[in-house]
Amino acid sequence: MTREEFLEFLKEKKALVDQKLEELLPERDEPGARVISAMRYSLMAGGKRLRPVLCMLGAEAVGRRGEDFLLFACGLECLHTYSLIHDDLPAMDDDDLRRGKPTCHRAFDEATAILAGDGLLTLAFELFSSPELLEVTSPERLLQAVHLVAQAAGASGMVAGQMADLLAEGREISPEELSYIHRKKTAALLSASVVSGGLLAGAPANDLRALETYGEALGLAFQIVDDILDVVGEEEKLGKPVGADIRKKKATYPALLGLSEARNKAKELIETAVSALQVFGPKAEPLKALARFVLSRQN
């Protein structure tokens, strides 16, 4: 699958997710509708939909139709978007922009943004537990998938990573601490996304382990590339290398290793991710293409 073919494929998958999210969260005319507007504002702000796409591709790697699990996939996007809203808040990263638009608390207000995040987190588990999913998977498989995602998103996963990231600000940290932050904050949910697709689709244990290896390596590479793009963007804006200044802001691989070594680390991880998929044969080609896309992305 060429890059151009994959980008068209990704566009089609993203359109499926966008359409379903529109159906699941329409505008309302009621006293509490402001929070729905805020939820929609962030949810429909133009994300890549990598987590729901990973869920669908995990199912397709083991021979099922990814669209069968679209409800679960949309729940993953709701969960991810809640984390972005809360991450942007003044008490967290205090960001003014997200994807080129005012962050939720800037477009609305802080209280509404908190409630919008709460609403999206709860909506995620409403979707994960949708009775319609029992028409395409077993109750046992669905329960295991929900449990997996809850672990990845909670105090054993993303929440722990967010806390460690906040505590690391303004100080130099060890490679082990940095790996912990990225694996918990970003890789855990990306890995759970692809594994949940395989799990819902009935994949055997060996296949699930392969998807987990792929997801963990992909997730860590994704965060490293994200950090590299942040540094490159800052350098372009300033017209000079940022150097050690980035150490004072966030814990990142470019800050710890330098840009060149960070790029090498991301490349090694993508190679690990792709190698893990050999067990699936041609059915995993979209997952391989997605990994290469993560390594080469520009935004």
C-alpha atoms as a PDB file:
ATOM      1  CA  MET A   1       0.000   0.000   0.000  1.00  0.00           C
ATOM      2  CA  THR A   2       1.553   3.293  -1.110  1.00  0.00           C
ATOM      3  CA  ARG A   3       1.405   6.421   1.020  1.00  0.00           C
ATOM      4  CA  GLU A   4      -1.138   7.935  -1.379  1.00  0.00           C
ATOM      5  CA  GLU A   5      -3.308   4.805  -1.241  1.00  0.00           C
ATOM      6  CA  PHE A   6      -3.138   4.793   2.527  1.00  0.00           C
ATOM      7  CA  LEU A   7      -4.054   8.464   2.824  1.00  0.00           C
ATOM      8  CA  GLU A   8      -7.156   7.832   0.709  1.00  0.00           C
ATOM      9  CA  PHE A   9      -7.937   4.750   2.810  1.00  0.00           C
ATOM     10  CA  LEU A  10      -7.501   6.781   6.018  1.00  0.00           C
ATOM     11  CA  LYS A  11      -9.750   9.515   4.634  1.00  0.00           C
ATOM     12  CA  GLU A  12     -12.520   6.968   4.038  1.00  0.00           C
ATOM     13  CA  LYS A  13     -12.188   5.509   7.535  1.00  0.00           C
ATOM     14  CA  LYS A  14     -12.156   8.965   9.089  1.00  0.00           C
ATOM     15  CA  ALA A  15     -15.338   9.875   7.183  1.00  0.00           C
ATOM     16  CA  LEU A  16     -17.078   6.819   8.669  1.00  0.00           C
ATOM     17  CA  VAL A  17     -16.112   7.900  12.175  1.00  0.00           C
ATOM     18  CA  ASP A  18     -17.058  11.545  11.593  1.00  0.00           C
ATOM     19  CA  GLN A  19     -20.484  10.623  10.245  1.00  0.00           C
ATOM     20  CA  LYS A  20     -21.199   8.295  13.158  1.00  0.00           C
ATOM     21  CA  LEU A  21     -20.066  10.865  15.728  1.00  0.00           C
ATOM     22  CA  GLU A  22     -22.429  13.425  14.154  1.00  0.00           C
ATOM     23  CA  GLU A  23     -25.280  10.940  14.578  1.00  0.00           C
ATOM     24  CA  LEU A  24     -24.329  10.075  18.142  1.00  0.00           C
ATOM     25  CA  LEU A  25     -23.996  13.646  19.404  1.00  0.00           C
ATOM     26  CA  PRO A  26     -26.420  15.991  17.635  1.00  0.00           C
ATOM     27  CA  GLU A  27     -27.015  19.554  18.748  1.00  0.00           C
ATOM     28  CA  ARG A  28     -29.856  19.917  21.251  1.00  0.00           C
ATOM     29  CA  ASP A  29     -32.324  22.608  22.237  1.00  0.00           C
ATOM     30  CA  GLU A  30     -32.613  22.310  26.005  1.00  0.00           C
ATOM     31  CA  PRO A  31     -31.359  24.143  29.114  1.00  0.00           C
ATOM     32  CA  GLY A  32     -28.145  22.111  29.360  1.00  0.00           C
ATOM     33  CA  ALA A  33     -27.361  22.188  25.649  1.00  0.00           C
ATOM     34  CA  ARG A  34     -24.308  24.441  26.073  1.00  0.00           C
ATOM     35  CA  VAL A  35     -22.257  21.481  27.254  1.00  0.00           C
ATOM     36  CA  ILE A  36     -23.314  19.482  24.171  1.00  0.00           C
ATOM     37  CA  SER A  37     -22.117  22.347  21.990  1.00  0.00           C
ATOM     38  CA  ALA A  38     -18.774  22.336  23.811  1.00  0.00           C
ATOM     39  CA  MET A  39     -18.474  18.550  23.463  1.00  0.00           C
ATOM     40  CA  ARG A  40     -19.196  18.801  19.749  1.00  0.00           C
ATOM     41  CA  TYR A  41     -16.808  21.737  19.348  1.00  0.00           C
ATOM     42  CA  SER A  42     -13.853  19.651  20.499  1.00  0.00           C
ATOM     43  CA  LEU A  43     -15.004  16.295  19.132  1.00  0.00           C
ATOM     44  CA  MET A  44     -15.526  17.629  15.608  1.00  0.00           C
ATOM     45  CA  ALA A  45     -12.408  19.832  15.547  1.00  0.00           C
ATOM     46  CA  GLY A  46     -10.646  17.828  12.850  1.00  0.00           C
ATOM     47  CA  GLY A  47      -8.643  15.109  14.577  1.00  0.00           C
ATOM     48  CA  LYS A  48      -6.998  12.306  12.614  1.00  0.00           C
ATOM     49  CA  ARG A  49      -9.226   9.663  14.291  1.00  0.00           C
ATOM     50  CA  LEU A  50      -6.232   7.350  14.728  1.00  0.00           C
ATOM     51  CA  ARG A  51      -7.661   5.555  17.758  1.00  0.00           C
ATOM     52  CA  PRO A  52     -10.972   4.557  16.164  1.00  0.00           C
ATOM     53  CA  VAL A  53      -9.154   3.672  12.939  1.00  0.00           C
ATOM     54  CA  LEU A  54      -6.732   1.493  14.908  1.00  0.00           C
ATOM     55  CA  CYS A  55      -9.679  -0.285  16.529  1.00  0.00           C
ATOM     56  CA  MET A  56     -11.243  -1.040  13.140  1.00  0.00           C
ATOM     57  CA  LEU A  57      -7.925  -2.107  11.611  1.00  0.00           C
ATOM     58  CA  GLY A  58      -7.233  -4.402  14.569  1.00  0.00           C
ATOM     59  CA  ALA A  59     -10.483  -6.198  13.751  1.00  0.00           C
ATOM     60  CA  GLU A  60      -9.667  -6.300  10.044  1.00  0.00           C
ATOM     61  CA  ALA A  61      -6.226  -7.802  10.707  1.00  0.00           C
ATOM     62  CA  VAL A  62      -7.969 -10.903  12.070  1.00  0.00           C
ATOM     63  CA  GLY A  63     -10.515 -11.106   9.273  1.00  0.00           C
ATOM     64  CA  ARG A  64     -13.534  -9.102  10.481  1.00  0.00           C
ATOM     65  CA  ARG A  65     -15.191  -5.959   9.115  1.00  0.00           C
ATOM     66  CA  GLY A  66     -13.913  -2.963  11.033  1.00  0.00           C
ATOM     67  CA  GLU A  67     -17.209  -1.117  10.596  1.00  0.00           C
ATOM     68  CA  ASP A  68     -18.917  -3.783  12.720  1.00  0.00           C
ATOM     69  CA  PHE A  69     -17.216  -2.202  15.730  1.00  0.00           C
ATOM     70  CA  LEU A  70     -17.725   1.440  14.782  1.00  0.00           C
ATOM     71  CA  LEU A  71     -19.636   2.231  17.971  1.00  0.00           C
ATOM     72  CA  PHE A  72     -16.754   1.035  20.107  1.00  0.00           C
ATOM     73  CA  ALA A  73     -14.312   2.891  17.888  1.00  0.00           C
ATOM     74  CA  CYS A  74     -16.279   6.133  18.314  1.00  0.00           C
ATOM     75  CA  GLY A  75     -16.148   5.639  22.070  1.00  0.00           C
ATOM     76  CA  LEU A  76     -12.360   5.662  21.846  1.00  0.00           C
ATOM     77  CA  GLU A  77     -12.449   9.023  20.057  1.00  0.00           C
ATOM     78  CA  CYS A  78     -14.751  10.457  22.737  1.00  0.00           C
ATOM     79  CA  LEU A  79     -12.374   9.254  25.432  1.00  0.00           C
ATOM     80  CA  HIS A  80      -9.351  10.709  23.632  1.00  0.00           C
ATOM     81  CA  THR A  81     -11.086  14.064  23.105  1.00  0.00           C
ATOM     82  CA  TYR A  82     -12.024  14.317  26.789  1.00  0.00           C
ATOM     83  CA  SER A  83      -8.341  13.907  27.644  1.00  0.00           C
ATOM     84  CA  LEU A  84      -7.377  16.720  25.260  1.00  0.00           C
ATOM     85  CA  ILE A  85      -9.952  19.105  26.733  1.00  0.00           C
ATOM     86  CA  HIS A  86      -8.731  18.472  30.266  1.00  0.00           C
ATOM     87  CA  ASP A  87      -5.057  18.527  29.210  1.00  0.00           C
ATOM     88  CA  ASP A  88      -5.534  22.037  27.787  1.00  0.00           C
ATOM     89  CA  LEU A  89      -7.077  23.466  30.965  1.00  0.00           C
ATOM     90  CA  PRO A  90      -5.308  26.240  32.920  1.00  0.00           C
ATOM     91  CA  ALA A  91      -4.515  23.831  35.764  1.00  0.00           C
ATOM     92  CA  MET A  92      -2.824  21.462  33.306  1.00  0.00           C
ATOM     93  CA  ASP A  93      -0.980  22.682  30.173  1.00  0.00           C
ATOM     94  CA  ASP A  94      -2.894  25.980  29.960  1.00  0.00           C
ATOM     95  CA  ASP A  95      -3.047  25.955  26.147  1.00  0.00           C
ATOM     96  CA  ASP A  96      -4.872  28.553  24.099  1.00  0.00           C
ATOM     97  CA  LEU A  97      -4.963  26.641  20.803  1.00  0.00           C
ATOM     98  CA  ARG A  98      -5.724  23.086  19.765  1.00  0.00           C
ATOM     99  CA  ARG A  99      -5.500  22.133  16.082  1.00  0.00           C
ATOM    100  CA  GLY A 100      -5.340  25.792  15.160  1.00  0.00           C
ATOM    101  CA  LYS A 101      -8.552  26.709  16.990  1.00  0.00           C
ATOM    102  CA  PRO A 102      -9.178  28.131  20.472  1.00  0.00           C
ATOM    103  CA  THR A 103      -9.162  25.382  23.068  1.00  0.00           C
ATOM    104  CA  CYS A 104     -12.482  24.391  24.600  1.00  0.00           C
ATOM    105  CA  HIS A 105     -12.056  26.492  27.737  1.00  0.00           C
ATOM    106  CA  ARG A 106     -11.139  29.500  25.580  1.00  0.00           C
ATOM    107  CA  ALA A 107     -14.032  29.048  23.154  1.00  0.00           C
ATOM    108  CA  PHE A 108     -16.526  28.535  26.011  1.00  0.00           C
ATOM    109  CA  ASP A 109     -15.290  28.851  29.604  1.00  0.00           C
ATOM    110  CA  GLU A 110     -13.379  26.734  32.073  1.00  0.00           C
ATOM    111  CA  ALA A 111     -16.387  25.235  33.860  1.00  0.00           C
ATOM    112  CA  THR A 112     -18.060  24.297  30.582  1.00  0.00           C
ATOM    113  CA  ALA A 113     -14.839  22.714  29.327  1.00  0.00           C
ATOM    114  CA  ILE A 114     -14.552  20.573  32.460  1.00  0.00           C
ATOM    115  CA  LEU A 115     -18.142  19.421  32.032  1.00  0.00           C
ATOM    116  CA  ALA A 116     -17.603  18.790  28.311  1.00  0.00           C
ATOM    117  CA  GLY A 117     -14.670  16.524  29.155  1.00  0.00           C
ATOM    118  CA  ASP A 118     -16.750  14.748  31.791  1.00  0.00           C
ATOM    119  CA  GLY A 119     -19.559  14.331  29.288  1.00  0.00           C
ATOM    120  CA  LEU A 120     -17.306  12.850  26.622  1.00  0.00           C
ATOM    121  CA  LEU A 121     -15.678  10.424  29.054  1.00  0.00           C
ATOM    122  CA  THR A 122     -19.085   9.194  30.163  1.00  0.00           C
ATOM    123  CA  LEU A 123     -20.354   9.025  26.579  1.00  0.00           C
ATOM    124  CA  ALA A 124     -17.371   6.844  25.725  1.00  0.00           C
ATOM    125  CA  PHE A 125     -18.454   4.183  28.210  1.00  0.00           C
ATOM    126  CA  GLU A 126     -22.062   4.530  27.102  1.00  0.00           C
ATOM    127  CA  LEU A 127     -20.889   3.634  23.594  1.00  0.00           C
ATOM    128  CA  PHE A 128     -18.590   0.838  24.790  1.00  0.00           C
ATOM    129  CA  SER A 129     -21.560  -0.790  26.519  1.00  0.00           C
ATOM    130  CA  SER A 130     -24.027  -0.343  23.648  1.00  0.00           C
ATOM    131  CA  PRO A 131     -26.356  -3.377  23.337  1.00  0.00           C
ATOM    132  CA  GLU A 132     -25.876  -3.233  19.547  1.00  0.00           C
ATOM    133  CA  LEU A 133     -22.298  -4.414  19.996  1.00  0.00           C
ATOM    134  CA  LEU A 134     -23.586  -7.715  21.368  1.00  0.00           C
ATOM    135  CA  GLU A 135     -24.864  -8.451  17.869  1.00  0.00           C
ATOM    136  CA  VAL A 136     -21.276  -8.585  16.569  1.00  0.00           C
ATOM    137  CA  THR A 137     -19.263  -9.875  19.553  1.00  0.00           C
ATOM    138  CA  SER A 138     -19.765 -11.932  22.682  1.00  0.00           C
ATOM    139  CA  PRO A 139     -20.549 -10.424  26.111  1.00  0.00           C
ATOM    140  CA  GLU A 140     -17.255 -11.847  27.409  1.00  0.00           C
ATOM    141  CA  ARG A 141     -15.223 -10.239  24.625  1.00  0.00           C
ATOM    142  CA  LEU A 142     -16.990  -6.914  25.040  1.00  0.00           C
ATOM    143  CA  LEU A 143     -16.385  -6.904  28.795  1.00  0.00           C
ATOM    144  CA  GLN A 144     -12.700  -7.686  28.271  1.00  0.00           C
ATOM    145  CA  ALA A 145     -12.377  -4.863  25.726  1.00  0.00           C
ATOM    146  CA  VAL A 146     -14.055  -2.326  28.021  1.00  0.00           C
ATOM    147  CA  HIS A 147     -11.830  -3.417  30.900  1.00  0.00           C
ATOM    148  CA  LEU A 148      -8.731  -3.095  28.728  1.00  0.00           C
ATOM    149  CA  VAL A 149      -9.603   0.435  27.628  1.00  0.00           C
ATOM    150  CA  ALA A 150     -10.518   1.508  31.180  1.00  0.00           C
ATOM    151  CA  GLN A 151      -7.101   0.350  32.397  1.00  0.00           C
ATOM    152  CA  ALA A 152      -5.348   2.182  29.571  1.00  0.00           C
ATOM    153  CA  ALA A 153      -7.227   5.422  30.261  1.00  0.00           C
ATOM    154  CA  GLY A 154      -7.232   5.460  34.051  1.00  0.00           C
ATOM    155  CA  ALA A 155      -4.816   5.664  36.958  1.00  0.00           C
ATOM    156  CA  SER A 156      -2.852   2.695  35.614  1.00  0.00           C
ATOM    157  CA  GLY A 157      -2.446   4.341  32.213  1.00  0.00           C
ATOM    158  CA  MET A 158      -3.137   7.749  30.725  1.00  0.00           C
ATOM    159  CA  VAL A 159      -4.018   9.512  33.994  1.00  0.00           C
ATOM    160  CA  ALA A 160      -0.810   8.253  35.602  1.00  0.00           C
ATOM    161  CA  GLY A 161       1.155   9.443  32.585  1.00  0.00           C
ATOM    162  CA  GLN A 162      -0.430  12.878  32.763  1.00  0.00           C
ATOM    163  CA  MET A 163       0.454  13.150  36.450  1.00  0.00           C
ATOM    164  CA  ALA A 164       4.059  12.074  35.871  1.00  0.00           C
ATOM    165  CA  ASP A 165       4.320  14.536  32.980  1.00  0.00           C
ATOM    166  CA  LEU A 166       3.167  17.426  35.164  1.00  0.00           C
ATOM    167  CA  LEU A 167       5.637  16.466  37.889  1.00  0.00           C
ATOM    168  CA  ALA A 168       8.480  16.335  35.358  1.00  0.00           C
ATOM    169  CA  GLU A 169       8.047  19.920  34.165  1.00  0.00           C
ATOM    170  CA  GLY A 170      11.049  22.179  34.725  1.00  0.00           C
ATOM    171  CA  ARG A 171      13.526  19.443  35.642  1.00  0.00           C
ATOM    172  CA  GLU A 172      15.741  16.942  33.884  1.00  0.00           C
ATOM    173  CA  ILE A 173      14.516  13.358  34.118  1.00  0.00           C
ATOM    174  CA  SER A 174      15.972   9.930  33.415  1.00  0.00           C
ATOM    175  CA  PRO A 175      15.279   7.904  30.258  1.00  0.00           C
ATOM    176  CA  GLU A 176      13.275   5.500  32.413  1.00  0.00           C
ATOM    177  CA  GLU A 177      11.005   8.276  33.700  1.00  0.00           C
ATOM    178  CA  LEU A 178      10.520   9.619  30.193  1.00  0.00           C
ATOM    179  CA  SER A 179       9.618   6.182  28.850  1.00  0.00           C
ATOM    180  CA  TYR A 180       7.097   5.779  31.681  1.00  0.00           C
ATOM    181  CA  ILE A 181       5.438   9.116  30.838  1.00  0.00           C
ATOM    182  CA  HIS A 182       5.101   8.416  27.123  1.00  0.00           C
ATOM    183  CA  ARG A 183       4.037   4.785  27.495  1.00  0.00           C
ATOM    184  CA  LYS A 184       1.342   5.681  30.000  1.00  0.00           C
ATOM    185  CA  LYS A 185       0.206   9.037  28.618  1.00  0.00           C
ATOM    186  CA  THR A 186       0.041   8.166  24.916  1.00  0.00           C
ATOM    187  CA  ALA A 187       1.000   4.600  24.052  1.00  0.00           C
ATOM    188  CA  ALA A 188      -1.387   2.884  26.473  1.00  0.00           C
ATOM    189  CA  LEU A 189      -4.573   4.116  24.795  1.00  0.00           C
ATOM    190  CA  LEU A 190      -3.221   3.693  21.260  1.00  0.00           C
ATOM    191  CA  SER A 191      -2.263   0.116  22.083  1.00  0.00           C
ATOM    192  CA  ALA A 192      -5.625  -0.572  23.739  1.00  0.00           C
ATOM    193  CA  SER A 193      -7.357   0.786  20.638  1.00  0.00           C
ATOM    194  CA  VAL A 194      -5.837  -1.724  18.242  1.00  0.00           C
ATOM    195  CA  VAL A 195      -5.962  -4.612  20.730  1.00  0.00           C
ATOM    196  CA  SER A 196      -9.626  -3.950  21.524  1.00  0.00           C
ATOM    197  CA  GLY A 197     -10.445  -4.278  17.816  1.00  0.00           C
ATOM    198  CA  GLY A 198      -8.767  -7.673  17.668  1.00  0.00           C
ATOM    199  CA  LEU A 199     -10.361  -8.709  20.942  1.00  0.00           C
ATOM    200  CA  LEU A 200     -13.880  -7.781  19.813  1.00  0.00           C
ATOM    201  CA  ALA A 201     -13.251  -9.605  16.540  1.00  0.00           C
ATOM    202  CA  GLY A 202     -12.406 -12.856  18.330  1.00  0.00           C
ATOM    203  CA  ALA A 203      -8.630 -12.902  17.878  1.00  0.00           C
ATOM    204  CA  PRO A 204      -6.714 -15.692  19.681  1.00  0.00           C
ATOM    205  CA  ALA A 205      -4.181 -14.877  22.389  1.00  0.00           C
ATOM    206  CA  ASN A 206      -1.131 -14.988  20.087  1.00  0.00           C
ATOM    207  CA  ASP A 207      -2.701 -12.468  17.711  1.00  0.00           C
ATOM    208  CA  LEU A 208      -3.630 -10.180  20.589  1.00  0.00           C
ATOM    209  CA  ARG A 209      -0.040 -10.237  21.840  1.00  0.00           C
ATOM    210  CA  ALA A 210       1.176  -9.272  18.366  1.00  0.00           C
ATOM    211  CA  LEU A 211      -1.314  -6.388  18.229  1.00  0.00           C
ATOM    212  CA  GLU A 212      -0.220  -5.283  21.700  1.00  0.00           C
ATOM    213  CA  THR A 213       3.451  -5.223  20.668  1.00  0.00           C
ATOM    214  CA  TYR A 214       2.515  -3.254  17.565  1.00  0.00           C
ATOM    215  CA  GLY A 215       0.351  -0.806  19.528  1.00  0.00           C
ATOM    216  CA  GLU A 216       2.902  -0.136  22.255  1.00  0.00           C
ATOM    217  CA  ALA A 217       5.714   0.535  19.771  1.00  0.00           C
ATOM    218  CA  LEU A 218       3.470   2.638  17.543  1.00  0.00           C
ATOM    219  CA  GLY A 219       2.176   4.663  20.489  1.00  0.00           C
ATOM    220  CA  LEU A 220       5.632   5.520  21.777  1.00  0.00           C
ATOM    221  CA  ALA A 221       6.817   6.411  18.261  1.00  0.00           C
ATOM    222  CA  PHE A 222       3.751   8.610  17.791  1.00  0.00           C
ATOM    223  CA  GLN A 223       4.590  10.647  20.898  1.00  0.00           C
ATOM    224  CA  ILE A 224       8.253  10.972  19.934  1.00  0.00           C
ATOM    225  CA  VAL A 225       7.312  12.233  16.456  1.00  0.00           C
ATOM    226  CA  ASP A 226       4.816  14.614  18.076  1.00  0.00           C
ATOM    227  CA  ASP A 227       7.578  16.045  20.255  1.00  0.00           C
ATOM    228  CA  ILE A 228       9.955  16.315  17.294  1.00  0.00           C
ATOM    229  CA  LEU A 229       7.344  18.242  15.311  1.00  0.00           C
ATOM    230  CA  ASP A 230       6.842  20.603  18.279  1.00  0.00           C
ATOM    231  CA  VAL A 231      10.577  21.361  18.414  1.00  0.00           C
ATOM    232  CA  VAL A 232      10.894  21.785  14.647  1.00  0.00           C
ATOM    233  CA  GLY A 233       7.876  24.095  14.629  1.00  0.00           C
ATOM    234  CA  GLU A 234       9.320  26.182  17.459  1.00  0.00           C
ATOM    235  CA  GLU A 235      12.659  26.442  15.669  1.00  0.00           C
ATOM    236  CA  GLU A 236      10.973  27.567  12.470  1.00  0.00           C
ATOM    237  CA  LYS A 237       9.039  30.187  14.412  1.00  0.00           C
ATOM    238  CA  LEU A 238      12.114  31.489  16.227  1.00  0.00           C
ATOM    239  CA  GLY A 239      14.466  31.134  13.272  1.00  0.00           C
ATOM    240  CA  LYS A 240      17.083  29.353  15.404  1.00  0.00           C
ATOM    241  CA  PRO A 241      17.636  26.069  17.272  1.00  0.00           C
ATOM    242  CA  VAL A 242      15.833  25.949  20.612  1.00  0.00           C
ATOM    243  CA  GLY A 243      18.586  23.801  22.124  1.00  0.00           C
ATOM    244  CA  ALA A 244      18.452  23.150  25.850  1.00  0.00           C
ATOM    245  CA  ASP A 245      15.562  25.569  26.294  1.00  0.00           C
ATOM    246  CA  ILE A 246      13.146  22.727  25.599  1.00  0.00           C
ATOM    247  CA  ARG A 247      14.342  21.048  28.805  1.00  0.00           C
ATOM    248  CA  LYS A 248      12.648  23.794  30.783  1.00  0.00           C
ATOM    249  CA  LYS A 249       9.235  23.088  29.295  1.00  0.00           C
ATOM    250  CA  LYS A 250       8.223  19.464  28.819  1.00  0.00           C
ATOM    251  CA  ALA A 251       9.784  16.040  29.256  1.00  0.00           C
ATOM    252  CA  THR A 252      10.482  14.851  25.696  1.00  0.00           C
ATOM    253  CA  TYR A 253      12.870  12.621  23.778  1.00  0.00           C
ATOM    254  CA  PRO A 254      14.259  15.568  21.756  1.00  0.00           C
ATOM    255  CA  ALA A 255      15.073  17.298  25.041  1.00  0.00           C
ATOM    256  CA  LEU A 256      16.751  14.201  26.446  1.00  0.00           C
ATOM    257  CA  LEU A 257      18.461  12.775  23.364  1.00  0.00           C
ATOM    258  CA  GLY A 258      18.512  15.542  20.770  1.00  0.00           C
ATOM    259  CA  LEU A 259      16.544  15.618  17.519  1.00  0.00           C
ATOM    260  CA  SER A 260      18.710  13.173  15.586  1.00  0.00           C
ATOM    261  CA  GLU A 261      18.658  10.441  18.222  1.00  0.00           C
ATOM    262  CA  ALA A 262      14.948  10.999  18.824  1.00  0.00           C
ATOM    263  CA  ARG A 263      14.306  10.424  15.111  1.00  0.00           C
ATOM    264  CA  ASN A 264      16.368   7.229  15.233  1.00  0.00           C
ATOM    265  CA  LYS A 265      14.410   6.036  18.261  1.00  0.00           C
ATOM    266  CA  ALA A 266      11.092   6.625  16.472  1.00  0.00           C
ATOM    267  CA  LYS A 267      12.350   4.752  13.407  1.00  0.00           C
ATOM    268  CA  GLU A 268      13.429   1.758  15.519  1.00  0.00           C
ATOM    269  CA  LEU A 269      10.033   1.646  17.196  1.00  0.00           C
ATOM    270  CA  ILE A 270       8.175   1.714  13.878  1.00  0.00           C
ATOM    271  CA  GLU A 271      10.326  -1.167  12.650  1.00  0.00           C
ATOM    272  CA  THR A 272       9.375  -3.088  15.802  1.00  0.00           C
ATOM    273  CA  ALA A 273       5.701  -2.319  15.226  1.00  0.00           C
ATOM    274  CA  VAL A 274       5.756  -3.468  11.613  1.00  0.00           C
ATOM    275  CA  SER A 275       7.685  -6.652  12.454  1.00  0.00           C
ATOM    276  CA  ALA A 276       5.073  -7.635  15.029  1.00  0.00           C
ATOM    277  CA  LEU A 277       2.426  -7.837  12.293  1.00  0.00           C
ATOM    278  CA  GLN A 278       4.038 -10.603  10.231  1.00  0.00           C
ATOM    279  CA  VAL A 279       1.688 -13.175  11.760  1.00  0.00           C
ATOM    280  CA  PHE A 280      -1.308 -11.544  10.036  1.00  0.00           C
ATOM    281  CA  GLY A 281      -0.009 -11.556   6.470  1.00  0.00           C
ATOM    282  CA  PRO A 282      -1.578  -9.202   3.898  1.00  0.00           C
ATOM    283  CA  LYS A 283      -4.552  -8.375   6.128  1.00  0.00           C
ATOM    284  CA  ALA A 284      -2.262  -6.229   8.278  1.00  0.00           C
ATOM    285  CA  GLU A 285      -0.985  -4.084   5.400  1.00  0.00           C
ATOM    286  CA  PRO A 286      -3.146  -1.081   6.457  1.00  0.00           C
ATOM    287  CA  LEU A 287      -1.694  -1.277   9.979  1.00  0.00           C
ATOM    288  CA  LYS A 288       1.815  -1.326   8.519  1.00  0.00           C
ATOM    289  CA  ALA A 289       0.989   1.658   6.321  1.00  0.00           C
ATOM    290  CA  LEU A 290      -0.398   3.506   9.344  1.00  0.00           C
ATOM    291  CA  ALA A 291       2.874   2.932  11.206  1.00  0.00           C
ATOM    292  CA  ARG A 292       4.874   4.343   8.297  1.00  0.00           C
ATOM    293  CA  PHE A 293       2.472   7.286   8.141  1.00  0.00           C
ATOM    294  CA  VAL A 294       3.078   8.061  11.832  1.00  0.00           C
ATOM    295  CA  LEU A 295       6.833   8.136  11.208  1.00  0.00           C
ATOM    296  CA  SER A 296       6.591  10.444   8.176  1.00  0.00           C
ATOM    297  CA  ARG A 297       3.794  12.775   9.261  1.00  0.00           C
ATOM    298  CA  GLN A 298       4.320  16.515   9.168  1.00  0.00           C
ATOM    299  CA  ASN A 299       1.563  17.622  11.580  1.00  0.00           C
END
